[in-house]
């Protein structure tokens, strides 16, 4: 079965585009981001083709998830995937390679933050909103910092979720510095 990996030209190009995008972004991405980048946001790949080739790339060890035991798996290239891109990247049209490279370079940190600074909320029985704010450790894909905050209105909860990706580093630094001061001064 492995000898039939690249069966048709259209599937080959689809696979190469996906592998090239993962090489260029240089960070592990969850499946939702991968599908969003390649289909709806950029139209590099047809959605149905991506649905078909994505599991094949995993099966044949071109991409993998280093965090197998988590619900939010992120994927990156294997050595085999990198070798494939290096050998066949010229089969991707030059204009498309340039577009993918530019998009990845311009958006890498933004998408990294979106995956690392996670926020959501839910309505409590009393009508208030519980907001969950996390900073996900990129190496282990587990929370390194998490706080739950109870807010009075939905508007406040929505605003907190919207602001978290830009405010998380400052918030974490504030908490870390103050905790460190407290523990070193014996307060």
C-alpha atoms as a PDB file:
ATOM      1  CA  UNK A   1       0.000   0.000   0.000  1.00  0.00           C
ATOM      2  CA  UNK A   2       2.818   2.463   0.767  1.00  0.00           C
ATOM      3  CA  UNK A   3       4.113   2.285  -2.792  1.00  0.00           C
ATOM      4  CA  UNK A   4       0.826   3.847  -3.994  1.00  0.00           C
ATOM      5  CA  UNK A   5       1.150   6.992  -1.864  1.00  0.00           C
ATOM      6  CA  UNK A   6       1.414   9.439  -4.775  1.00  0.00           C
ATOM      7  CA  UNK A   7      -1.166   7.937  -7.127  1.00  0.00           C
ATOM      8  CA  UNK A   8      -2.588  10.836  -9.117  1.00  0.00           C
ATOM      9  CA  UNK A   9      -1.193  14.210 -10.135  1.00  0.00           C
ATOM     10  CA  UNK A  10      -3.969  16.188  -8.414  1.00  0.00           C
ATOM     11  CA  UNK A  11      -3.552  14.328  -5.123  1.00  0.00           C
ATOM     12  CA  UNK A  12       0.209  14.676  -5.398  1.00  0.00           C
ATOM     13  CA  UNK A  13      -0.004  18.439  -5.759  1.00  0.00           C
ATOM     14  CA  UNK A  14      -2.509  18.656  -2.902  1.00  0.00           C
ATOM     15  CA  UNK A  15      -0.188  16.680  -0.642  1.00  0.00           C
ATOM     16  CA  UNK A  16       2.823  18.750  -1.636  1.00  0.00           C
ATOM     17  CA  UNK A  17       0.976  22.016  -0.991  1.00  0.00           C
ATOM     18  CA  UNK A  18       0.011  20.847   2.484  1.00  0.00           C
ATOM     19  CA  UNK A  19       3.537  19.640   3.260  1.00  0.00           C
ATOM     20  CA  UNK A  20       5.017  22.878   1.938  1.00  0.00           C
ATOM     21  CA  UNK A  21       2.653  24.976   4.057  1.00  0.00           C
ATOM     22  CA  UNK A  22       3.615  23.007   7.195  1.00  0.00           C
ATOM     23  CA  UNK A  23       7.296  23.465   6.365  1.00  0.00           C
ATOM     24  CA  UNK A  24       6.893  27.211   5.850  1.00  0.00           C
ATOM     25  CA  UNK A  25       4.770  27.907   8.960  1.00  0.00           C
ATOM     26  CA  UNK A  26       7.453  26.233  11.135  1.00  0.00           C
ATOM     27  CA  UNK A  27       5.130  25.631  14.090  1.00  0.00           C
ATOM     28  CA  UNK A  28       2.861  22.698  14.890  1.00  0.00           C
ATOM     29  CA  UNK A  29      -0.747  23.500  13.973  1.00  0.00           C
ATOM     30  CA  UNK A  30      -3.984  21.876  14.996  1.00  0.00           C
ATOM     31  CA  UNK A  31      -6.170  20.337  12.312  1.00  0.00           C
ATOM     32  CA  UNK A  32      -8.658  23.217  12.411  1.00  0.00           C
ATOM     33  CA  UNK A  33      -5.955  25.787  11.606  1.00  0.00           C
ATOM     34  CA  UNK A  34      -4.480  23.619   8.847  1.00  0.00           C
ATOM     35  CA  UNK A  35      -7.842  23.187   7.163  1.00  0.00           C
ATOM     36  CA  UNK A  36      -8.684  26.869   7.604  1.00  0.00           C
ATOM     37  CA  UNK A  37      -5.359  28.053   6.116  1.00  0.00           C
ATOM     38  CA  UNK A  38      -5.432  25.759   3.129  1.00  0.00           C
ATOM     39  CA  UNK A  39      -9.107  25.882   2.168  1.00  0.00           C
ATOM     40  CA  UNK A  40     -11.340  28.725   3.315  1.00  0.00           C
ATOM     41  CA  UNK A  41      -8.758  31.389   4.148  1.00  0.00           C
ATOM     42  CA  UNK A  42      -6.502  30.942   1.109  1.00  0.00           C
ATOM     43  CA  UNK A  43      -8.154  28.478  -1.304  1.00  0.00           C
ATOM     44  CA  UNK A  44      -4.863  26.676  -1.893  1.00  0.00           C
ATOM     45  CA  UNK A  45      -6.531  23.265  -1.635  1.00  0.00           C
ATOM     46  CA  UNK A  46     -10.024  21.966  -2.256  1.00  0.00           C
ATOM     47  CA  UNK A  47     -11.606  21.048   1.098  1.00  0.00           C
ATOM     48  CA  UNK A  48     -12.721  17.563  -0.009  1.00  0.00           C
ATOM     49  CA  UNK A  49      -9.245  16.762  -1.315  1.00  0.00           C
ATOM     50  CA  UNK A  50      -7.708  17.892   1.958  1.00  0.00           C
ATOM     51  CA  UNK A  51     -10.118  15.707   3.932  1.00  0.00           C
ATOM     52  CA  UNK A  52      -8.956  12.788   1.808  1.00  0.00           C
ATOM     53  CA  UNK A  53      -5.186  13.375   1.868  1.00  0.00           C
ATOM     54  CA  UNK A  54      -4.701  14.565   5.452  1.00  0.00           C
ATOM     55  CA  UNK A  55      -5.085  11.098   7.041  1.00  0.00           C
ATOM     56  CA  UNK A  56      -2.927   9.603   4.272  1.00  0.00           C
ATOM     57  CA  UNK A  57      -0.080  11.968   5.129  1.00  0.00           C
ATOM     58  CA  UNK A  58      -0.352  10.854   8.757  1.00  0.00           C
ATOM     59  CA  UNK A  59      -0.587   7.170   7.846  1.00  0.00           C
ATOM     60  CA  UNK A  60       2.478   7.302   5.616  1.00  0.00           C
ATOM     61  CA  UNK A  61       4.503   9.257   8.212  1.00  0.00           C
ATOM     62  CA  UNK A  62       4.837  12.537   6.305  1.00  0.00           C
ATOM     63  CA  UNK A  63       3.207  14.457   9.158  1.00  0.00           C
ATOM     64  CA  UNK A  64       2.733  13.556  12.802  1.00  0.00           C
ATOM     65  CA  UNK A  65       1.393  14.865  16.064  1.00  0.00           C
ATOM     66  CA  UNK A  66       3.948  15.015  18.873  1.00  0.00           C
ATOM     67  CA  UNK A  67       1.089  15.305  21.386  1.00  0.00           C
ATOM     68  CA  UNK A  68      -0.817  12.071  20.718  1.00  0.00           C
ATOM     69  CA  UNK A  69      -2.592  11.947  24.062  1.00  0.00           C
ATOM     70  CA  UNK A  70      -4.316  15.323  23.917  1.00  0.00           C
ATOM     71  CA  UNK A  71      -7.652  16.350  22.489  1.00  0.00           C
ATOM     72  CA  UNK A  72      -6.133  19.248  20.543  1.00  0.00           C
ATOM     73  CA  UNK A  73      -3.444  17.519  18.524  1.00  0.00           C
ATOM     74  CA  UNK A  74      -1.076  19.709  16.580  1.00  0.00           C
ATOM     75  CA  UNK A  75       0.717  18.471  13.495  1.00  0.00           C
ATOM     76  CA  UNK A  76       4.122  19.083  11.955  1.00  0.00           C
ATOM     77  CA  UNK A  77       6.377  17.545   9.335  1.00  0.00           C
ATOM     78  CA  UNK A  78       8.415  14.418   9.866  1.00  0.00           C
ATOM     79  CA  UNK A  79      11.895  14.017   8.373  1.00  0.00           C
ATOM     80  CA  UNK A  80      10.242  12.073   5.555  1.00  0.00           C
ATOM     81  CA  UNK A  81       7.845  14.983   4.952  1.00  0.00           C
ATOM     82  CA  UNK A  82      10.738  17.465   4.861  1.00  0.00           C
ATOM     83  CA  UNK A  83      12.642  15.276   2.411  1.00  0.00           C
ATOM     84  CA  UNK A  84       9.568  15.026   0.208  1.00  0.00           C
ATOM     85  CA  UNK A  85       9.165  18.822   0.125  1.00  0.00           C
ATOM     86  CA  UNK A  86      12.866  19.273  -0.612  1.00  0.00           C
ATOM     87  CA  UNK A  87      12.701  16.785  -3.478  1.00  0.00           C
ATOM     88  CA  UNK A  88       9.435  17.874  -5.092  1.00  0.00           C
ATOM     89  CA  UNK A  89       8.718  21.490  -4.123  1.00  0.00           C
ATOM     90  CA  UNK A  90       9.254  22.591  -7.737  1.00  0.00           C
ATOM     91  CA  UNK A  91       6.115  20.602  -8.608  1.00  0.00           C
ATOM     92  CA  UNK A  92       4.167  23.311  -6.754  1.00  0.00           C
ATOM     93  CA  UNK A  93       3.670  26.330  -9.027  1.00  0.00           C
ATOM     94  CA  UNK A  94       6.160  29.087  -8.164  1.00  0.00           C
ATOM     95  CA  UNK A  95       3.453  31.732  -7.647  1.00  0.00           C
ATOM     96  CA  UNK A  96       1.660  29.456  -5.173  1.00  0.00           C
ATOM     97  CA  UNK A  97       4.921  28.702  -3.319  1.00  0.00           C
ATOM     98  CA  UNK A  98       5.545  32.430  -3.036  1.00  0.00           C
ATOM     99  CA  UNK A  99       2.003  33.074  -1.779  1.00  0.00           C
ATOM    100  CA  UNK A 100       2.269  30.309   0.823  1.00  0.00           C
ATOM    101  CA  UNK A 101       5.712  31.477   1.984  1.00  0.00           C
ATOM    102  CA  UNK A 102       4.569  35.076   2.335  1.00  0.00           C
ATOM    103  CA  UNK A 103       1.376  34.129   4.177  1.00  0.00           C
ATOM    104  CA  UNK A 104       3.262  31.881   6.609  1.00  0.00           C
ATOM    105  CA  UNK A 105       6.000  34.420   7.262  1.00  0.00           C
ATOM    106  CA  UNK A 106       3.497  37.230   7.884  1.00  0.00           C
ATOM    107  CA  UNK A 107       1.156  35.191  10.102  1.00  0.00           C
ATOM    108  CA  UNK A 108       3.340  32.682  11.963  1.00  0.00           C
ATOM    109  CA  UNK A 109       3.422  34.484  15.304  1.00  0.00           C
ATOM    110  CA  UNK A 110      -0.245  35.449  15.152  1.00  0.00           C
ATOM    111  CA  UNK A 111      -1.322  31.832  14.707  1.00  0.00           C
ATOM    112  CA  UNK A 112       1.146  30.629  17.308  1.00  0.00           C
ATOM    113  CA  UNK A 113      -0.429  33.038  19.810  1.00  0.00           C
ATOM    114  CA  UNK A 114      -3.929  31.891  18.866  1.00  0.00           C
ATOM    115  CA  UNK A 115      -2.964  28.320  19.709  1.00  0.00           C
ATOM    116  CA  UNK A 116      -1.040  29.186  22.863  1.00  0.00           C
ATOM    117  CA  UNK A 117      -3.398  31.794  24.341  1.00  0.00           C
ATOM    118  CA  UNK A 118      -6.724  30.027  24.607  1.00  0.00           C
ATOM    119  CA  UNK A 119      -9.861  31.623  26.024  1.00  0.00           C
ATOM    120  CA  UNK A 120     -13.518  30.662  26.246  1.00  0.00           C
ATOM    121  CA  UNK A 121     -16.524  31.263  28.430  1.00  0.00           C
ATOM    122  CA  UNK A 122     -19.789  29.664  29.502  1.00  0.00           C
ATOM    123  CA  UNK A 123     -22.923  30.970  31.121  1.00  0.00           C
ATOM    124  CA  UNK A 124     -23.435  30.027  34.774  1.00  0.00           C
ATOM    125  CA  UNK A 125     -26.799  29.087  36.259  1.00  0.00           C
ATOM    126  CA  UNK A 126     -26.963  32.431  38.089  1.00  0.00           C
ATOM    127  CA  UNK A 127     -26.674  34.383  34.802  1.00  0.00           C
ATOM    128  CA  UNK A 128     -23.010  35.358  35.206  1.00  0.00           C
ATOM    129  CA  UNK A 129     -20.262  34.106  32.890  1.00  0.00           C
ATOM    130  CA  UNK A 130     -17.257  31.955  33.752  1.00  0.00           C
ATOM    131  CA  UNK A 131     -14.273  32.905  31.579  1.00  0.00           C
ATOM    132  CA  UNK A 132     -11.426  30.407  31.269  1.00  0.00           C
ATOM    133  CA  UNK A 133      -8.075  31.885  30.205  1.00  0.00           C
ATOM    134  CA  UNK A 134      -5.077  29.652  29.447  1.00  0.00           C
ATOM    135  CA  UNK A 135      -1.535  29.827  28.218  1.00  0.00           C
ATOM    136  CA  UNK A 136      -0.667  26.534  26.565  1.00  0.00           C
ATOM    137  CA  UNK A 137       2.930  25.320  26.766  1.00  0.00           C
ATOM    138  CA  UNK A 138       3.926  24.710  23.151  1.00  0.00           C
ATOM    139  CA  UNK A 139       6.277  21.837  24.000  1.00  0.00           C
ATOM    140  CA  UNK A 140       3.788  19.746  25.968  1.00  0.00           C
ATOM    141  CA  UNK A 141       0.505  21.193  24.647  1.00  0.00           C
ATOM    142  CA  UNK A 142      -0.712  21.466  28.236  1.00  0.00           C
ATOM    143  CA  UNK A 143      -1.676  24.582  30.206  1.00  0.00           C
ATOM    144  CA  UNK A 144       1.259  26.297  31.883  1.00  0.00           C
ATOM    145  CA  UNK A 145      -1.019  29.021  33.254  1.00  0.00           C
ATOM    146  CA  UNK A 146      -4.786  28.977  33.730  1.00  0.00           C
ATOM    147  CA  UNK A 147      -7.252  31.214  35.454  1.00  0.00           C
ATOM    148  CA  UNK A 148     -11.016  31.237  35.727  1.00  0.00           C
ATOM    149  CA  UNK A 149     -12.761  34.541  36.232  1.00  0.00           C
ATOM    150  CA  UNK A 150     -16.435  35.145  36.899  1.00  0.00           C
ATOM    151  CA  UNK A 151     -17.818  38.142  34.975  1.00  0.00           C
ATOM    152  CA  UNK A 152     -21.252  39.698  35.252  1.00  0.00           C
ATOM    153  CA  UNK A 153     -22.242  40.139  31.598  1.00  0.00           C
ATOM    154  CA  UNK A 154     -21.836  38.333  28.307  1.00  0.00           C
ATOM    155  CA  UNK A 155     -20.284  41.485  26.818  1.00  0.00           C
ATOM    156  CA  UNK A 156     -17.558  41.422  29.482  1.00  0.00           C
ATOM    157  CA  UNK A 157     -16.911  37.727  28.814  1.00  0.00           C
ATOM    158  CA  UNK A 158     -16.697  38.274  25.049  1.00  0.00           C
ATOM    159  CA  UNK A 159     -14.310  41.202  25.519  1.00  0.00           C
ATOM    160  CA  UNK A 160     -12.073  39.163  27.859  1.00  0.00           C
ATOM    161  CA  UNK A 161     -11.882  36.328  25.302  1.00  0.00           C
ATOM    162  CA  UNK A 162     -11.098  38.789  22.489  1.00  0.00           C
ATOM    163  CA  UNK A 163      -8.364  40.552  24.467  1.00  0.00           C
ATOM    164  CA  UNK A 164      -6.649  37.455  25.868  1.00  0.00           C
ATOM    165  CA  UNK A 165      -4.333  36.722  22.887  1.00  0.00           C
ATOM    166  CA  UNK A 166      -2.808  40.201  23.118  1.00  0.00           C
ATOM    167  CA  UNK A 167      -2.908  40.615  26.909  1.00  0.00           C
ATOM    168  CA  UNK A 168      -1.808  37.134  28.006  1.00  0.00           C
ATOM    169  CA  UNK A 169       1.964  37.764  28.017  1.00  0.00           C
ATOM    170  CA  UNK A 170       1.637  40.912  30.125  1.00  0.00           C
ATOM    171  CA  UNK A 171      -0.833  39.241  32.483  1.00  0.00           C
ATOM    172  CA  UNK A 172       1.447  36.242  32.947  1.00  0.00           C
ATOM    173  CA  UNK A 173       4.467  38.470  33.549  1.00  0.00           C
ATOM    174  CA  UNK A 174       2.563  40.492  36.164  1.00  0.00           C
ATOM    175  CA  UNK A 175       1.477  37.380  38.053  1.00  0.00           C
ATOM    176  CA  UNK A 176       4.908  35.750  37.806  1.00  0.00           C
ATOM    177  CA  UNK A 177       6.817  38.845  38.983  1.00  0.00           C
ATOM    178  CA  UNK A 178       4.454  39.446  41.885  1.00  0.00           C
ATOM    179  CA  UNK A 179       4.470  35.817  42.999  1.00  0.00           C
ATOM    180  CA  UNK A 180       8.231  35.783  42.785  1.00  0.00           C
ATOM    181  CA  UNK A 181       8.435  38.987  44.856  1.00  0.00           C
ATOM    182  CA  UNK A 182       6.080  37.549  47.448  1.00  0.00           C
ATOM    183  CA  UNK A 183       8.010  34.323  47.793  1.00  0.00           C
ATOM    184  CA  UNK A 184      11.443  35.980  47.974  1.00  0.00           C
ATOM    185  CA  UNK A 185      10.346  38.671  50.450  1.00  0.00           C
ATOM    186  CA  UNK A 186       8.386  36.266  52.612  1.00  0.00           C
ATOM    187  CA  UNK A 187       5.083  38.121  52.307  1.00  0.00           C
END
